[in-house]
């Protein structure tokens, strides 16, 4: 899971573990520290794939779909693509 943690969000990691039959309590314990670094990982994944904020609605939708498919929350994705920076 450590190698996937750098590319995927909490939602996708939890889903993958559930698909493998891992108990909910174990999933929660394994993902307890994942939320701490998720905004930084999201920004890193976005930077490597796109690098620039979307200029039109079509590009924004494309970037959102990619990041959501990676398991990041819609709130975090909207915050990143809305131009809000840390």
PDB file of N, CA and C in Angstrom:
ATOM      1  N   UNK A   1       0.822  -1.187   0.000  1.00  0.00           N
ATOM      2  CA  UNK A   1       0.000   0.000   0.000  1.00  0.00           C
ATOM      3  C   UNK A   1       0.868   1.253   0.000  1.00  0.00           C
ATOM      4  N   UNK A   2       2.066   1.173   0.509  1.00  0.00           N
ATOM      5  CA  UNK A   2       2.922   2.355   0.600  1.00  0.00           C
ATOM      6  C   UNK A   2       3.232   2.931  -0.774  1.00  0.00           C
ATOM      7  N   UNK A   3       3.415   2.072  -1.767  1.00  0.00           N
ATOM      8  CA  UNK A   3       3.716   2.592  -3.094  1.00  0.00           C
ATOM      9  C   UNK A   3       2.488   3.231  -3.742  1.00  0.00           C
ATOM     10  N   UNK A   4       1.298   2.762  -3.444  1.00  0.00           N
ATOM     11  CA  UNK A   4       0.075   3.350  -3.985  1.00  0.00           C
ATOM     12  C   UNK A   4      -0.299   4.637  -3.268  1.00  0.00           C
ATOM     13  N   UNK A   5       0.130   4.770  -2.038  1.00  0.00           N
ATOM     14  CA  UNK A   5      -0.236   5.931  -1.233  1.00  0.00           C
ATOM     15  C   UNK A   5       0.232   7.238  -1.876  1.00  0.00           C
ATOM     16  N   UNK A   6       1.315   7.199  -2.621  1.00  0.00           N
ATOM     17  CA  UNK A   6       1.850   8.404  -3.246  1.00  0.00           C
ATOM     18  C   UNK A   6       1.017   8.852  -4.440  1.00  0.00           C
ATOM     19  N   UNK A   7       0.238   7.941  -5.019  1.00  0.00           N
ATOM     20  CA  UNK A   7      -0.519   8.272  -6.223  1.00  0.00           C
ATOM     21  C   UNK A   7      -2.015   8.385  -6.012  1.00  0.00           C
ATOM     22  N   UNK A   8      -2.547   7.745  -4.986  1.00  0.00           N
ATOM     23  CA  UNK A   8      -3.989   7.654  -4.829  1.00  0.00           C
ATOM     24  C   UNK A   8      -4.471   8.313  -3.547  1.00  0.00           C
ATOM     25  N   UNK A   9      -5.721   8.726  -3.566  1.00  0.00           N
ATOM     26  CA  UNK A   9      -6.346   9.333  -2.405  1.00  0.00           C
ATOM     27  C   UNK A   9      -6.936   8.305  -1.465  1.00  0.00           C
ATOM     28  N   UNK A  10      -7.394   8.773  -0.337  1.00  0.00           N
ATOM     29  CA  UNK A  10      -7.953   7.914   0.713  1.00  0.00           C
ATOM     30  C   UNK A  10      -9.132   7.088   0.217  1.00  0.00           C
ATOM     31  N   UNK A  11      -9.994   7.667  -0.596  1.00  0.00           N
ATOM     32  CA  UNK A  11     -11.188   6.978  -1.076  1.00  0.00           C
ATOM     33  C   UNK A  11     -10.809   5.752  -1.901  1.00  0.00           C
ATOM     34  N   UNK A  12      -9.876   5.918  -2.815  1.00  0.00           N
ATOM     35  CA  UNK A  12      -9.452   4.804  -3.671  1.00  0.00           C
ATOM     36  C   UNK A  12      -8.700   3.740  -2.881  1.00  0.00           C
ATOM     37  N   UNK A  13      -7.852   4.156  -1.962  1.00  0.00           N
ATOM     38  CA  UNK A  13      -7.124   3.186  -1.146  1.00  0.00           C
ATOM     39  C   UNK A  13      -8.083   2.341  -0.316  1.00  0.00           C
ATOM     40  N   UNK A  14      -9.072   2.982   0.295  1.00  0.00           N
ATOM     41  CA  UNK A  14     -10.051   2.245   1.107  1.00  0.00           C
ATOM     42  C   UNK A  14     -10.852   1.284   0.233  1.00  0.00           C
ATOM     43  N   UNK A  15     -11.243   1.735  -0.942  1.00  0.00           N
ATOM     44  CA  UNK A  15     -12.006   0.886  -1.856  1.00  0.00           C
ATOM     45  C   UNK A  15     -11.192  -0.350  -2.265  1.00  0.00           C
ATOM     46  N   UNK A  16      -9.943  -0.142  -2.619  1.00  0.00           N
ATOM     47  CA  UNK A  16      -9.092  -1.265  -3.010  1.00  0.00           C
ATOM     48  C   UNK A  16      -8.934  -2.279  -1.885  1.00  0.00           C
ATOM     49  N   UNK A  17      -8.764  -1.802  -0.663  1.00  0.00           N
ATOM     50  CA  UNK A  17      -8.628  -2.716   0.473  1.00  0.00           C
ATOM     51  C   UNK A  17      -9.929  -3.475   0.736  1.00  0.00           C
ATOM     52  N   UNK A  18     -11.066  -2.783   0.612  1.00  0.00           N
ATOM     53  CA  UNK A  18     -12.367  -3.467   0.780  1.00  0.00           C
ATOM     54  C   UNK A  18     -12.548  -4.539  -0.283  1.00  0.00           C
ATOM     55  N   UNK A  19     -12.131  -4.263  -1.513  1.00  0.00           N
ATOM     56  CA  UNK A  19     -12.242  -5.240  -2.601  1.00  0.00           C
ATOM     57  C   UNK A  19     -11.407  -6.482  -2.329  1.00  0.00           C
ATOM     58  N   UNK A  20     -10.338  -6.324  -1.579  1.00  0.00           N
ATOM     59  CA  UNK A  20      -9.470  -7.449  -1.245  1.00  0.00           C
ATOM     60  C   UNK A  20      -9.930  -8.195   0.009  1.00  0.00           C
ATOM     61  N   UNK A  21     -11.039  -7.741   0.606  1.00  0.00           N
ATOM     62  CA  UNK A  21     -11.605  -8.436   1.751  1.00  0.00           C
ATOM     63  C   UNK A  21     -11.023  -8.043   3.095  1.00  0.00           C
ATOM     64  N   UNK A  22     -10.376  -6.912   3.175  1.00  0.00           N
ATOM     65  CA  UNK A  22      -9.790  -6.447   4.433  1.00  0.00           C
ATOM     66  C   UNK A  22     -10.910  -5.885   5.316  1.00  0.00           C
ATOM     67  N   UNK A  23     -10.860  -6.192   6.593  1.00  0.00           N
ATOM     68  CA  UNK A  23     -11.880  -5.743   7.537  1.00  0.00           C
ATOM     69  C   UNK A  23     -11.858  -4.224   7.688  1.00  0.00           C
ATOM     70  N   UNK A  24     -13.032  -3.660   7.952  1.00  0.00           N
ATOM     71  CA  UNK A  24     -13.185  -2.202   8.057  1.00  0.00           C
ATOM     72  C   UNK A  24     -12.296  -1.607   9.146  1.00  0.00           C
ATOM     73  N   UNK A  25     -12.168  -2.283  10.271  1.00  0.00           N
ATOM     74  CA  UNK A  25     -11.335  -1.774  11.368  1.00  0.00           C
ATOM     75  C   UNK A  25      -9.861  -1.705  10.956  1.00  0.00           C
ATOM     76  N   UNK A  26      -9.421  -2.688  10.208  1.00  0.00           N
ATOM     77  CA  UNK A  26      -8.035  -2.706   9.748  1.00  0.00           C
ATOM     78  C   UNK A  26      -7.809  -1.603   8.713  1.00  0.00           C
ATOM     79  N   UNK A  27      -8.789  -1.384   7.847  1.00  0.00           N
ATOM     80  CA  UNK A  27      -8.684  -0.318   6.845  1.00  0.00           C
ATOM     81  C   UNK A  27      -8.562   1.034   7.529  1.00  0.00           C
ATOM     82  N   UNK A  28      -9.400   1.280   8.519  1.00  0.00           N
ATOM     83  CA  UNK A  28      -9.354   2.557   9.240  1.00  0.00           C
ATOM     84  C   UNK A  28      -8.005   2.755   9.926  1.00  0.00           C
ATOM     85  N   UNK A  29      -7.486   1.683  10.514  1.00  0.00           N
ATOM     86  CA  UNK A  29      -6.185   1.782  11.182  1.00  0.00           C
ATOM     87  C   UNK A  29      -5.066   2.043  10.166  1.00  0.00           C
ATOM     88  N   UNK A  30      -5.146   1.382   9.024  1.00  0.00           N
ATOM     89  CA  UNK A  30      -4.112   1.543   8.007  1.00  0.00           C
ATOM     90  C   UNK A  30      -4.136   2.927   7.374  1.00  0.00           C
ATOM     91  N   UNK A  31      -5.320   3.503   7.266  1.00  0.00           N
ATOM     92  CA  UNK A  31      -5.462   4.806   6.604  1.00  0.00           C
ATOM     93  C   UNK A  31      -5.540   5.975   7.578  1.00  0.00           C
ATOM     94  N   UNK A  32      -5.249   5.724   8.839  1.00  0.00           N
ATOM     95  CA  UNK A  32      -5.362   6.779   9.853  1.00  0.00           C
ATOM     96  C   UNK A  32      -4.471   7.976   9.546  1.00  0.00           C
ATOM     97  N   UNK A  33      -3.285   7.774   9.083  1.00  0.00           N
ATOM     98  CA  UNK A  33      -2.367   8.880   8.823  1.00  0.00           C
ATOM     99  C   UNK A  33      -2.393   9.391   7.397  1.00  0.00           C
ATOM    100  N   UNK A  34      -3.201   8.797   6.548  1.00  0.00           N
ATOM    101  CA  UNK A  34      -3.231   9.174   5.142  1.00  0.00           C
ATOM    102  C   UNK A  34      -3.790  10.575   4.938  1.00  0.00           C
ATOM    103  N   UNK A  35      -4.773  10.974   5.726  1.00  0.00           N
ATOM    104  CA  UNK A  35      -5.408  12.279   5.547  1.00  0.00           C
ATOM    105  C   UNK A  35      -4.437  13.431   5.755  1.00  0.00           C
ATOM    106  N   UNK A  36      -3.434  13.239   6.584  1.00  0.00           N
ATOM    107  CA  UNK A  36      -2.495  14.313   6.895  1.00  0.00           C
ATOM    108  C   UNK A  36      -1.768  14.831   5.664  1.00  0.00           C
ATOM    109  N   UNK A  37      -1.326  13.949   4.829  1.00  0.00           N
ATOM    110  CA  UNK A  37      -0.543  14.360   3.673  1.00  0.00           C
ATOM    111  C   UNK A  37      -1.314  14.386   2.370  1.00  0.00           C
ATOM    112  N   UNK A  38      -2.623  14.166   2.426  1.00  0.00           N
ATOM    113  CA  UNK A  38      -3.390  14.067   1.192  1.00  0.00           C
ATOM    114  C   UNK A  38      -3.381  15.341   0.343  1.00  0.00           C
ATOM    115  N   UNK A  39      -3.532  16.534   0.907  1.00  0.00           N
ATOM    116  CA  UNK A  39      -3.474  17.735   0.056  1.00  0.00           C
ATOM    117  C   UNK A  39      -2.140  17.873  -0.687  1.00  0.00           C
ATOM    118  N   UNK A  40      -1.063  17.531  -0.035  1.00  0.00           N
ATOM    119  CA  UNK A  40       0.249  17.612  -0.679  1.00  0.00           C
ATOM    120  C   UNK A  40       0.375  16.572  -1.787  1.00  0.00           C
ATOM    121  N   UNK A  41      -0.127  15.365  -1.542  1.00  0.00           N
ATOM    122  CA  UNK A  41      -0.085  14.317  -2.565  1.00  0.00           C
ATOM    123  C   UNK A  41      -0.960  14.690  -3.754  1.00  0.00           C
ATOM    124  N   UNK A  42      -2.133  15.255  -3.466  1.00  0.00           N
ATOM    125  CA  UNK A  42      -3.035  15.689  -4.529  1.00  0.00           C
ATOM    126  C   UNK A  42      -2.345  16.719  -5.414  1.00  0.00           C
ATOM    127  N   UNK A  43      -1.733  17.695  -4.801  1.00  0.00           N
ATOM    128  CA  UNK A  43      -1.047  18.746  -5.550  1.00  0.00           C
ATOM    129  C   UNK A  43       0.103  18.158  -6.368  1.00  0.00           C
ATOM    130  N   UNK A  44       0.829  17.205  -5.800  1.00  0.00           N
ATOM    131  CA  UNK A  44       1.945  16.578  -6.499  1.00  0.00           C
ATOM    132  C   UNK A  44       1.459  15.792  -7.719  1.00  0.00           C
ATOM    133  N   UNK A  45       0.403  15.002  -7.543  1.00  0.00           N
ATOM    134  CA  UNK A  45      -0.156  14.223  -8.658  1.00  0.00           C
ATOM    135  C   UNK A  45      -0.652  15.164  -9.749  1.00  0.00           C
ATOM    136  N   UNK A  46      -1.368  16.211  -9.356  1.00  0.00           N
ATOM    137  CA  UNK A  46      -1.882  17.186 -10.322  1.00  0.00           C
ATOM    138  C   UNK A  46      -0.725  17.879 -11.051  1.00  0.00           C
ATOM    139  N   UNK A  47       0.302  18.279 -10.327  1.00  0.00           N
ATOM    140  CA  UNK A  47       1.444  18.984 -10.919  1.00  0.00           C
ATOM    141  C   UNK A  47       2.141  18.119 -11.959  1.00  0.00           C
ATOM    142  N   UNK A  48       2.336  16.838 -11.640  1.00  0.00           N
ATOM    143  CA  UNK A  48       3.012  15.945 -12.578  1.00  0.00           C
ATOM    144  C   UNK A  48       2.186  15.704 -13.835  1.00  0.00           C
ATOM    145  N   UNK A  49       0.863  15.598 -13.671  1.00  0.00           N
ATOM    146  CA  UNK A  49       0.006  15.285 -14.815  1.00  0.00           C
ATOM    147  C   UNK A  49      -0.333  16.526 -15.643  1.00  0.00           C
ATOM    148  N   UNK A  50      -0.652  17.646 -14.987  1.00  0.00           N
ATOM    149  CA  UNK A  50      -1.157  18.815 -15.699  1.00  0.00           C
ATOM    150  C   UNK A  50      -0.244  20.039 -15.568  1.00  0.00           C
ATOM    151  N   UNK A  51       0.039  20.466 -14.364  1.00  0.00           N
ATOM    152  CA  UNK A  51       0.952  21.567 -14.144  1.00  0.00           C
ATOM    153  C   UNK A  51       0.389  22.969 -14.233  1.00  0.00           C
ATOM    154  N   UNK A  52      -0.692  23.155 -14.976  1.00  0.00           N
ATOM    155  CA  UNK A  52      -1.302  24.478 -15.076  1.00  0.00           C
ATOM    156  C   UNK A  52      -2.795  24.377 -14.795  1.00  0.00           C
ATOM    157  N   UNK A  53      -3.326  25.431 -14.212  1.00  0.00           N
ATOM    158  CA  UNK A  53      -4.752  25.453 -13.928  1.00  0.00           C
ATOM    159  C   UNK A  53      -5.541  25.455 -15.229  1.00  0.00           C
ATOM    160  N   UNK A  54      -6.728  24.870 -15.225  1.00  0.00           N
ATOM    161  CA  UNK A  54      -7.532  24.823 -16.447  1.00  0.00           C
ATOM    162  C   UNK A  54      -7.976  26.223 -16.887  1.00  0.00           C
ATOM    163  N   UNK A  55      -8.030  26.401 -18.190  1.00  0.00           N
ATOM    164  CA  UNK A  55      -8.424  27.703 -18.734  1.00  0.00           C
ATOM    165  C   UNK A  55      -9.870  27.735 -19.202  1.00  0.00           C
ATOM    166  N   UNK A  56     -10.481  26.565 -19.384  1.00  0.00           N
ATOM    167  CA  UNK A  56     -11.885  26.521 -19.796  1.00  0.00           C
ATOM    168  C   UNK A  56     -12.600  25.372 -19.090  1.00  0.00           C
ATOM    169  N   UNK A  57     -13.894  25.304 -19.271  1.00  0.00           N
ATOM    170  CA  UNK A  57     -14.715  24.308 -18.566  1.00  0.00           C
ATOM    171  C   UNK A  57     -14.362  22.884 -18.981  1.00  0.00           C
ATOM    172  N   UNK A  58     -14.045  22.683 -20.243  1.00  0.00           N
ATOM    173  CA  UNK A  58     -13.715  21.336 -20.718  1.00  0.00           C
ATOM    174  C   UNK A  58     -12.437  20.810 -20.055  1.00  0.00           C
ATOM    175  N   UNK A  59     -11.427  21.652 -19.992  1.00  0.00           N
ATOM    176  CA  UNK A  59     -10.164  21.256 -19.360  1.00  0.00           C
ATOM    177  C   UNK A  59     -10.343  21.055 -17.857  1.00  0.00           C
ATOM    178  N   UNK A  60     -11.144  21.909 -17.237  1.00  0.00           N
ATOM    179  CA  UNK A  60     -11.421  21.767 -15.804  1.00  0.00           C
ATOM    180  C   UNK A  60     -12.103  20.423 -15.524  1.00  0.00           C
ATOM    181  N   UNK A  61     -13.071  20.069 -16.349  1.00  0.00           N
ATOM    182  CA  UNK A  61     -13.771  18.788 -16.182  1.00  0.00           C
ATOM    183  C   UNK A  61     -12.816  17.618 -16.376  1.00  0.00           C
ATOM    184  N   UNK A  62     -11.922  17.732 -17.335  1.00  0.00           N
ATOM    185  CA  UNK A  62     -10.950  16.664 -17.589  1.00  0.00           C
ATOM    186  C   UNK A  62     -10.023  16.475 -16.396  1.00  0.00           C
ATOM    187  N   UNK A  63      -9.531  17.570 -15.835  1.00  0.00           N
ATOM    188  CA  UNK A  63      -8.654  17.482 -14.673  1.00  0.00           C
ATOM    189  C   UNK A  63      -9.411  16.948 -13.458  1.00  0.00           C
ATOM    190  N   UNK A  64     -10.655  17.397 -13.269  1.00  0.00           N
ATOM    191  CA  UNK A  64     -11.457  16.909 -12.150  1.00  0.00           C
ATOM    192  C   UNK A  64     -11.687  15.409 -12.259  1.00  0.00           C
ATOM    193  N   UNK A  65     -12.074  14.950 -13.438  1.00  0.00           N
ATOM    194  CA  UNK A  65     -12.320  13.514 -13.619  1.00  0.00           C
ATOM    195  C   UNK A  65     -11.081  12.693 -13.286  1.00  0.00           C
ATOM    196  N   UNK A  66      -9.933  13.148 -13.749  1.00  0.00           N
ATOM    197  CA  UNK A  66      -8.698  12.413 -13.478  1.00  0.00           C
ATOM    198  C   UNK A  66      -8.427  12.327 -11.982  1.00  0.00           C
ATOM    199  N   UNK A  67      -8.508  13.468 -11.291  1.00  0.00           N
ATOM    200  CA  UNK A  67      -8.186  13.496  -9.862  1.00  0.00           C
ATOM    201  C   UNK A  67      -9.220  12.738  -9.034  1.00  0.00           C
ATOM    202  N   UNK A  68     -10.497  12.830  -9.418  1.00  0.00           N
ATOM    203  CA  UNK A  68     -11.528  12.075  -8.705  1.00  0.00           C
ATOM    204  C   UNK A  68     -11.346  10.577  -8.923  1.00  0.00           C
ATOM    205  N   UNK A  69     -10.923  10.184 -10.118  1.00  0.00           N
ATOM    206  CA  UNK A  69     -10.697   8.758 -10.383  1.00  0.00           C
ATOM    207  C   UNK A  69      -9.516   8.220  -9.582  1.00  0.00           C
ATOM    208  N   UNK A  70      -8.638   9.093  -9.157  1.00  0.00           N
ATOM    209  CA  UNK A  70      -7.515   8.705  -8.309  1.00  0.00           C
ATOM    210  C   UNK A  70      -7.909   8.597  -6.837  1.00  0.00           C
ATOM    211  N   UNK A  71      -9.153   8.933  -6.508  1.00  0.00           N
ATOM    212  CA  UNK A  71      -9.637   8.739  -5.147  1.00  0.00           C
ATOM    213  C   UNK A  71      -9.515   9.935  -4.238  1.00  0.00           C
ATOM    214  N   UNK A  72      -9.316  11.114  -4.789  1.00  0.00           N
ATOM    215  CA  UNK A  72      -9.261  12.317  -3.962  1.00  0.00           C
ATOM    216  C   UNK A  72     -10.666  12.869  -3.795  1.00  0.00           C
ATOM    217  N   UNK A  73     -10.917  13.537  -2.682  1.00  0.00           N
ATOM    218  CA  UNK A  73     -12.256  14.051  -2.407  1.00  0.00           C
ATOM    219  C   UNK A  73     -12.587  15.200  -3.348  1.00  0.00           C
ATOM    220  N   UNK A  74     -13.863  15.348  -3.639  1.00  0.00           N
ATOM    221  CA  UNK A  74     -14.287  16.412  -4.551  1.00  0.00           C
ATOM    222  C   UNK A  74     -14.010  17.793  -3.951  1.00  0.00           C
ATOM    223  N   UNK A  75     -14.097  17.918  -2.637  1.00  0.00           N
ATOM    224  CA  UNK A  75     -13.817  19.206  -1.987  1.00  0.00           C
ATOM    225  C   UNK A  75     -12.352  19.601  -2.184  1.00  0.00           C
ATOM    226  N   UNK A  76     -11.447  18.636  -2.023  1.00  0.00           N
ATOM    227  CA  UNK A  76     -10.022  18.922  -2.187  1.00  0.00           C
ATOM    228  C   UNK A  76      -9.695  19.250  -3.643  1.00  0.00           C
ATOM    229  N   UNK A  77     -10.321  18.533  -4.567  1.00  0.00           N
ATOM    230  CA  UNK A  77     -10.086  18.779  -5.990  1.00  0.00           C
ATOM    231  C   UNK A  77     -10.596  20.158  -6.381  1.00  0.00           C
ATOM    232  N   UNK A  78     -11.793  20.512  -5.933  1.00  0.00           N
ATOM    233  CA  UNK A  78     -12.358  21.830  -6.242  1.00  0.00           C
ATOM    234  C   UNK A  78     -11.501  22.946  -5.651  1.00  0.00           C
ATOM    235  N   UNK A  79     -10.993  22.720  -4.463  1.00  0.00           N
ATOM    236  CA  UNK A  79     -10.133  23.725  -3.835  1.00  0.00           C
ATOM    237  C   UNK A  79      -8.863  23.930  -4.653  1.00  0.00           C
ATOM    238  N   UNK A  80      -8.263  22.842  -5.104  1.00  0.00           N
ATOM    239  CA  UNK A  80      -7.039  22.931  -5.900  1.00  0.00           C
ATOM    240  C   UNK A  80      -7.307  23.602  -7.245  1.00  0.00           C
ATOM    241  N   UNK A  81      -8.329  23.159  -7.943  1.00  0.00           N
ATOM    242  CA  UNK A  81      -8.594  23.688  -9.277  1.00  0.00           C
ATOM    243  C   UNK A  81      -9.257  25.063  -9.258  1.00  0.00           C
ATOM    244  N   UNK A  82      -9.778  25.431  -8.113  1.00  0.00           N
ATOM    245  CA  UNK A  82     -10.378  26.753  -7.989  1.00  0.00           C
ATOM    246  C   UNK A  82      -9.333  27.835  -7.851  1.00  0.00           C
ATOM    247  N   UNK A  83      -8.092  27.447  -7.763  1.00  0.00           N
ATOM    248  CA  UNK A  83      -7.012  28.403  -7.683  1.00  0.00           C
ATOM    249  C   UNK A  83      -6.568  28.707  -6.283  1.00  0.00           C
ATOM    250  N   UNK A  84      -7.214  28.131  -5.268  1.00  0.00           N
ATOM    251  CA  UNK A  84      -6.814  28.366  -3.882  1.00  0.00           C
ATOM    252  C   UNK A  84      -5.530  27.600  -3.618  1.00  0.00           C
ATOM    253  N   UNK A  85      -4.518  28.329  -3.226  1.00  0.00           N
ATOM    254  CA  UNK A  85      -3.206  27.715  -2.948  1.00  0.00           C
ATOM    255  C   UNK A  85      -2.872  27.865  -1.482  1.00  0.00           C
ATOM    256  N   UNK A  86      -2.037  26.964  -1.007  1.00  0.00           N
ATOM    257  CA  UNK A  86      -1.626  27.013   0.399  1.00  0.00           C
ATOM    258  C   UNK A  86      -0.474  27.948   0.579  1.00  0.00           C
TER     259      UNK A  86
END
